[in-house]
Amino acid sequence: MDTCSFFPRTENPSPVTPVQSNRQYDEGSKRLADWTTLGVGGEAQSLIVARSEDEIVEAVRAADEAGKPVLMLGGGSNLLVADEPFAGVVVRDGRSGYTLVHDSGCGGAVVRVDAGMAWDEFVAAAVENDWSGLEALSGIPGTVGASPVQNVGAYGKEVADTIAAIRVYDRLEKRRKTLALADLEFGYRTSVLKRSTFDPSLSQGRLWGPTGRWIVLWVEFQFTHASLSLPIGYGQLAQSLGVQVGERADQRDVRAAVLELRRGKSMVLDDENRNTWSTGSFFTNPIISEDAAKQLPPDAPVFPVRKVAPAGTVPDGDSVEEGVVKVSAAWLINHSGFDRGFKLEADSEAALSSDHVLAISNTGSASLEDVARLAAAVRDGVWEKWQIELVPEPVRVGWDLPPLPATK
């Protein structure tokens, strides 16, 4: 008997419940504040909820031909949109499902997922089916299609560890194509997809606006079958689970522990908790030289930097960049005079989260200007104290932070 030809399934696996992934309650609204987890943003000139791959491609192609900017909208969790109207086309992928492409005891599972599916709905499905690899990424808001763009990661894991390929619409070549893992050039919070939003060399000198050259249509994942997680790669998570870094734990236990840790930092969406009205981590952890890191106090957390996979190669989780380290943005903020709950003015409705200094929260009806002023103050304060630049993680639509004071 060919033991690799099938994978025995548990008839009725106990369900794993997903957590909230967005705040999109009114599909008729064109006001981007209604589509973003921060609750900020002006009205879009046009907002299309596409129900098929063809509808997505046609909407983007038509906007490109008309010379209008395109914003692909996922869960709205990584967007900072100006209060002024967006004079372009917003396209929302309204699909939500996945297809099991391959499933065997030796080959594992290959799963193809609609880009519009809520991220944690798919993570919950993966944990429920013993598809190992996404459990540490539980509770992240947004959609599956957004995950490869910035190579989402948490607790020592990145989505690059499980992606096999993605299907895209190439706006430059005006056709659909499949990009293999080796084409995506994954690194810390980056990919060739993300870089195409600001690097014209990837598009024959063209810049596309808030959404880059490649529109993600579906993502294909490759999983091993296991009730156990991947090796735990983050000390706080290992401690919570009562295991050592590098050991494995039950996937469901890992998911529960991750959600508990995230809730403690207000990083799981909860409409009743205003701290969660944010974009999550506002700044990426800065990458600095090892020499610069030596100037920091001994208690400053630093981490190795996973090497960007050059074109034509697959990511290697054990390969690190030489001569540089990653330093905790939260530590830098907290040690530059900014505490949890910090506001520029007492009556401001933009504040650092009272649970985590790395998040900027909309505590009421903050405007983009309120959020931007606070972000600039924090960035400038860290620069003045440490000469380390904090870079915003979310996509900025219709605005950007001013240059650092020292570089004006």
Foldseek 3Di string as FASTA:
>chain_A
DPQFQADDFDPDQDAFDAFDFAQQDDPPFQACLSQALLSAAAGEPEEEADADPVRVLVQVLVQVVVVFAEAEGERNLQEQYAHDYRDHYYYYHPDADKDFPDDTQPQHTKMKTFQRHWPQVVVRVCLSGQFADCLLVGQAHTTNNCQLAQQDDGQLGTPLVWFAKFWWQFQLVRGIDIGGQLAFQDWHRHTVQNVQQPDCVVRVNDHRALGGRIRTGIIMTGGHGDQKYQFRAHDVLCVQVVHDGRDIDGSVSSNVSSVVVCVLLLNHDDPVAQLSSWSRQFWFFFKDFPVLVVVDPPPWDKAFTFHGNHRPGGGDSVHTDPGIITTDPQVLLVVLPAAAQDAPDPPAQWGQHNRTNRIIGRNDNHHSVRNLVVVLVSQQSSCVVRVTGTDTSGRYHPDDHDDHPVVD
